Amino acid sequence: MSQAPAVSLSEVSFGYGASPRPALSQVSLEIPAGRITAILGPNGSGKTTLLRLLLGVLQPVGGQILLGGRARSAYSRAEQSRLVGLVPQSEHVPFDFTVLEYVLLGRAPYLGPLDLPGPEDRAIAREALEMVGIGHLAERAVPNLSGGERQLATIARTLAQAPAMLLLDEPTAHLDLGNQSRLLQIMRDLRDAGGTLLVTTHDPDLAASVADLTVLMKGGQVLCAGQTEAVLTAEWLTRVYETPILVYRVDGHYLICLA
């Protein structure tokens, strides 16, 4: 029996308030398990809305979303948190948590209502901090971190959550080149260990660097989806970004630039 897609969307639509233009319009899409899929498109194309629908923060006005072949309502709240985790573009931390305390929040789906994190949870949190390269910041207060350090702490928190599917919303936006490279390798390692990753980006270079599959979105609709090398073409990117774009491949690497 073939494995069910990690995510299946069928004719999914969503709109914000009284806006006459839907944020998503009849989107049908399957995200396979065990792969890295990039959702690529310009600002306002519906990428973040799609992630919020997958998380259950928003509810579609039409269509159906299945996670692992089942409706979200079939899972308990803890099961949902073990199934899907999000690295947002930015996150407000309301208290002066230390970095370690903040990352330990990712262990909540594995604890009872009155349970405190135990030694195993702390070990997992510290391992996540080391993985993203900020183990030395474990006792620093989160408000005292730089923007890039805070993004790495958020990534570590979601890694400590250990979801079956990891959603990353523009994850490299606040990272320097070295930490971007580190994150891309972490993503590959998670994929190679059987994880499913869905990353949104407006940057074709990010999709080219890490994605097995790429979905092009524009105006709340899916224009094209498939293997990354078939999707990242000059024709498709020029259509999506409405400006002439050139795409070259040299020794298996992409060079994407304005014409």
Protein backbone atom coordinates (compact mmCIF):
# COMPACT_ATOMS: atom_id res chain seq x y z
CA MET A 1 0.00 0.00 0.00
CA SER A 2 1.41 3.40 -0.98
CA GLN A 3 2.04 5.97 1.74
CA ALA A 4 -0.56 8.71 2.10
CA PRO A 5 0.66 12.23 1.27
CA ALA A 6 1.77 14.24 4.28
CA VAL A 7 -0.70 16.91 3.18
CA SER A 8 -3.54 16.82 0.68
CA LEU A 9 -5.50 19.92 -0.29
CA SER A 10 -8.58 19.66 -2.48
CA GLU A 11 -10.17 22.83 -3.90
CA VAL A 12 -9.17 24.84 -0.80
CA SER A 13 -10.20 28.50 -0.69
CA PHE A 14 -9.79 31.22 1.94
CA GLY A 15 -10.45 34.95 2.17
CA TYR A 16 -9.73 37.63 4.76
CA GLY A 17 -12.75 39.61 5.95
CA ALA A 18 -14.56 41.61 3.31
CA SER A 19 -11.67 41.59 0.85
CA PRO A 20 -13.05 40.91 -2.65
CA ARG A 21 -9.89 39.02 -3.59
CA PRO A 22 -9.42 35.58 -2.01
CA ALA A 23 -6.08 34.85 -0.39
CA LEU A 24 -6.34 31.29 -1.74
CA SER A 25 -8.58 30.20 -4.59
CA GLN A 26 -9.42 26.52 -5.17
CA VAL A 27 -5.95 25.22 -4.37
CA SER A 28 -5.44 21.49 -4.94
CA LEU A 29 -2.06 20.12 -3.95
CA GLU A 30 -0.34 17.08 -2.48
CA ILE A 31 2.80 17.34 -0.33
CA PRO A 32 4.62 13.98 -0.23
CA ALA A 33 6.09 12.61 2.97
CA GLY A 34 9.85 12.41 3.39
CA ARG A 35 10.67 15.24 0.97
CA ILE A 36 11.49 18.94 1.07
CA THR A 37 8.86 20.96 -0.78
CA ALA A 38 9.27 24.68 -1.44
CA ILE A 39 6.26 26.96 -1.85
CA LEU A 40 7.68 29.75 -4.01
CA GLY A 41 6.05 32.98 -5.04
CA PRO A 42 6.08 36.77 -4.70
CA ASN A 43 4.85 38.64 -1.64
CA GLY A 44 1.10 38.27 -1.20
CA SER A 45 0.81 35.09 -3.25
CA GLY A 46 -0.81 33.11 -0.41
CA LYS A 47 2.19 31.21 0.95
CA THR A 48 1.82 32.17 4.62
CA THR A 49 -1.97 31.78 4.46
CA LEU A 50 -1.42 28.23 3.25
CA LEU A 51 0.80 27.46 6.24
CA ARG A 52 -1.75 28.92 8.66
CA LEU A 53 -4.43 26.70 7.16
CA LEU A 54 -2.22 23.64 7.59
CA LEU A 55 -1.66 24.59 11.24
CA GLY A 56 -5.38 25.02 11.84
CA VAL A 57 -4.95 28.69 12.81
CA LEU A 58 -7.23 29.52 9.89
CA GLN A 59 -10.15 27.48 8.57
CA PRO A 60 -10.86 27.18 4.83
CA VAL A 61 -14.10 28.61 3.50
CA GLY A 62 -14.20 25.81 0.96
CA GLY A 63 -12.47 22.55 0.13
CA GLN A 64 -10.76 19.95 2.27
CA ILE A 65 -7.37 19.57 3.96
CA LEU A 66 -6.08 16.16 5.02
CA LEU A 67 -2.99 15.54 7.16
CA GLY A 68 -1.59 12.06 6.72
CA GLY A 69 -4.82 11.05 5.01
CA ARG A 70 -7.03 12.21 7.91
CA ALA A 71 -8.92 15.39 8.72
CA ARG A 72 -7.36 17.60 11.38
CA SER A 73 -10.39 17.01 13.60
CA ALA A 74 -9.40 13.32 13.81
CA TYR A 75 -6.31 14.27 15.84
CA SER A 76 -6.15 15.45 19.44
CA ARG A 77 -4.45 18.79 20.08
CA ALA A 78 -1.30 17.05 21.34
CA GLU A 79 -1.29 14.77 18.30
CA GLN A 80 -1.58 17.79 16.03
CA SER A 81 1.42 19.41 17.73
CA ARG A 82 3.44 16.23 17.31
CA LEU A 83 2.37 16.05 13.69
CA VAL A 84 3.03 19.63 12.52
CA GLY A 85 5.45 22.29 13.79
CA LEU A 86 6.03 25.83 12.53
CA VAL A 87 9.08 28.06 12.27
CA PRO A 88 7.39 31.47 11.73
CA GLN A 89 8.95 34.52 10.10
CA SER A 90 9.05 36.17 13.51
CA GLU A 91 7.64 35.45 16.94
CA HIS A 92 6.96 37.68 19.93
CA VAL A 93 8.15 36.18 23.22
CA PRO A 94 6.08 37.83 25.99
CA PHE A 95 8.28 36.84 28.94
CA ASP A 96 11.98 37.06 29.73
CA PHE A 97 12.57 33.38 29.07
CA THR A 98 16.11 32.16 28.81
CA VAL A 99 16.88 30.59 25.47
CA LEU A 100 16.79 27.12 27.04
CA GLU A 101 13.40 27.80 28.68
CA TYR A 102 12.06 29.05 25.36
CA VAL A 103 13.27 25.96 23.48
CA LEU A 104 11.76 23.72 26.17
CA LEU A 105 8.33 25.06 25.17
CA GLY A 106 8.69 22.79 22.17
CA ARG A 107 8.40 19.78 24.47
CA ALA A 108 4.86 20.70 25.58
CA PRO A 109 3.12 18.14 23.29
CA TYR A 110 4.91 15.35 25.15
CA LEU A 111 4.02 16.53 28.68
CA GLY A 112 0.89 16.23 30.77
CA PRO A 113 -1.06 19.36 31.81
CA LEU A 114 0.84 19.71 35.11
CA ASP A 115 4.13 18.09 34.09
CA LEU A 116 7.44 19.92 34.06
CA PRO A 117 10.18 19.15 31.53
CA GLY A 118 12.40 16.34 32.73
CA PRO A 119 16.06 15.47 32.09
CA GLU A 120 15.25 13.88 28.73
CA ASP A 121 13.37 16.99 27.60
CA ARG A 122 16.28 19.20 28.67
CA ALA A 123 18.72 16.97 26.80
CA ILE A 124 16.60 17.21 23.65
CA ALA A 125 16.38 21.00 23.99
CA ARG A 126 20.14 21.36 24.45
CA GLU A 127 20.76 19.09 21.47
CA ALA A 128 18.50 21.31 19.35
CA LEU A 129 20.43 24.39 20.48
CA GLU A 130 23.73 22.76 19.55
CA MET A 131 22.29 21.71 16.19
CA VAL A 132 21.58 25.34 15.25
CA GLY A 133 24.87 26.56 16.72
CA ILE A 134 23.68 28.55 19.74
CA GLY A 135 24.28 26.15 22.61
CA HIS A 136 26.45 28.82 24.22
CA LEU A 137 23.40 31.11 24.47
CA ALA A 138 21.27 28.68 26.52
CA GLU A 139 21.16 30.91 29.61
CA ARG A 140 20.81 34.24 27.83
CA ALA A 141 17.43 36.02 27.98
CA VAL A 142 15.58 35.85 24.67
CA PRO A 143 14.94 39.65 24.54
CA ASN A 144 18.71 40.17 24.57
CA LEU A 145 19.27 38.15 21.39
CA SER A 146 19.89 39.64 17.97
CA GLY A 147 17.27 39.09 15.29
CA GLY A 148 19.26 36.26 13.74
CA GLU A 149 19.92 34.60 17.10
CA ARG A 150 16.24 34.80 17.95
CA GLN A 151 15.37 33.12 14.66
CA LEU A 152 17.83 30.32 15.44
CA ALA A 153 16.26 29.92 18.89
CA THR A 154 12.83 29.61 17.26
CA ILE A 155 14.17 26.97 14.89
CA ALA A 156 15.66 25.10 17.87
CA ARG A 157 12.33 25.23 19.71
CA THR A 158 10.57 23.67 16.74
CA LEU A 159 13.29 21.03 16.37
CA ALA A 160 12.79 20.15 20.06
CA GLN A 161 9.10 19.69 19.27
CA ALA A 162 10.16 16.92 16.83
CA PRO A 163 7.11 17.15 14.56
CA ALA A 164 6.60 14.68 11.74
CA MET A 165 6.21 17.64 9.38
CA LEU A 166 8.13 20.89 9.72
CA LEU A 167 6.72 24.11 8.23
CA LEU A 168 9.21 26.94 7.72
CA ASP A 169 7.96 30.39 6.73
CA GLU A 170 10.73 32.41 5.03
CA PRO A 171 13.22 30.79 7.45
CA THR A 172 16.42 32.45 6.19
CA ALA A 173 15.09 36.02 6.24
CA HIS A 174 17.04 37.09 9.36
CA LEU A 175 20.07 34.81 9.00
CA ASP A 176 23.57 35.61 7.78
CA LEU A 177 25.12 33.49 5.05
CA GLY A 178 26.85 31.11 7.45
CA ASN A 179 23.68 30.38 9.39
CA GLN A 180 21.68 30.09 6.17
CA SER A 181 24.07 27.35 5.08
CA ARG A 182 23.76 25.65 8.48
CA LEU A 183 19.95 25.72 8.29
CA LEU A 184 19.88 24.27 4.79
CA GLN A 185 22.07 21.38 5.93
CA ILE A 186 19.80 20.79 8.94
CA MET A 187 16.85 20.63 6.56
CA ARG A 188 18.62 18.08 4.37
CA ASP A 189 19.56 16.00 7.42
CA LEU A 190 15.95 16.00 8.64
CA ARG A 191 14.75 14.95 5.18
CA ASP A 192 17.34 12.17 5.02
CA ALA A 193 16.11 10.92 8.41
CA GLY A 194 12.58 10.59 6.99
CA GLY A 195 11.18 14.00 7.92
CA THR A 196 8.78 16.04 5.80
CA LEU A 197 9.56 19.73 5.31
CA LEU A 198 7.49 22.46 3.71
CA VAL A 199 9.27 25.80 3.27
CA THR A 200 7.81 29.04 1.94
CA THR A 201 10.04 31.55 0.24
CA HIS A 202 10.02 34.35 -2.31
CA ASP A 203 13.66 33.51 -3.16
CA PRO A 204 14.18 31.05 -6.05
CA ASP A 205 17.76 30.48 -4.87
CA LEU A 206 16.51 28.93 -1.62
CA ALA A 207 14.24 26.54 -3.50
CA ALA A 208 17.08 25.67 -5.87
CA SER A 209 19.45 24.98 -2.96
CA VAL A 210 17.34 22.60 -0.91
CA ALA A 211 13.96 21.62 -2.38
CA ASP A 212 13.18 18.26 -3.96
CA LEU A 213 9.86 19.64 -5.18
CA THR A 214 8.72 23.20 -5.84
CA VAL A 215 5.25 24.73 -6.02
CA LEU A 216 4.87 28.11 -7.75
CA MET A 217 2.10 30.34 -6.41
CA LYS A 218 0.74 33.65 -7.58
CA GLY A 219 -2.42 35.51 -6.64
CA GLY A 220 -3.60 32.76 -4.30
CA GLN A 221 -3.37 30.03 -6.93
CA VAL A 222 -0.94 27.25 -7.80
CA LEU A 223 0.54 27.86 -11.24
CA CYS A 224 2.95 24.94 -11.40
CA ALA A 225 4.14 22.09 -9.17
CA GLY A 226 6.67 19.33 -9.67
CA GLN A 227 10.33 18.38 -9.45
CA THR A 228 12.38 21.50 -8.71
CA GLU A 229 14.47 21.24 -11.88
CA ALA A 230 11.28 21.15 -13.98
CA VAL A 231 9.71 24.13 -12.20
CA LEU A 232 12.64 26.53 -11.84
CA THR A 233 12.78 27.59 -15.46
CA ALA A 234 13.17 31.06 -16.92
CA GLU A 235 9.69 30.82 -18.43
CA TRP A 236 7.90 29.96 -15.19
CA LEU A 237 9.86 32.39 -12.99
CA THR A 238 9.39 35.24 -15.45
CA ARG A 239 5.65 34.56 -15.42
CA VAL A 240 5.43 34.42 -11.62
CA TYR A 241 7.56 37.49 -10.85
CA GLU A 242 6.50 39.52 -13.90
CA THR A 243 10.06 40.47 -14.77
CA PRO A 244 12.53 38.82 -17.15
CA ILE A 245 14.57 36.18 -15.30
CA LEU A 246 17.42 34.01 -16.55
CA VAL A 247 18.17 30.55 -15.18
CA TYR A 248 21.46 28.72 -15.72
CA ARG A 249 22.65 25.37 -14.38
CA VAL A 250 26.40 24.87 -13.99
CA ASP A 251 27.73 21.59 -12.60
CA GLY A 252 24.37 20.90 -10.99
CA HIS A 253 24.14 24.35 -9.36
CA TYR A 254 21.65 27.07 -10.26
CA LEU A 255 22.41 30.65 -11.21
CA ILE A 256 19.21 32.68 -11.19
CA CYS A 257 19.37 36.37 -12.09
CA LEU A 258 17.44 39.24 -13.63
CA ALA A 259 17.74 39.46 -17.39
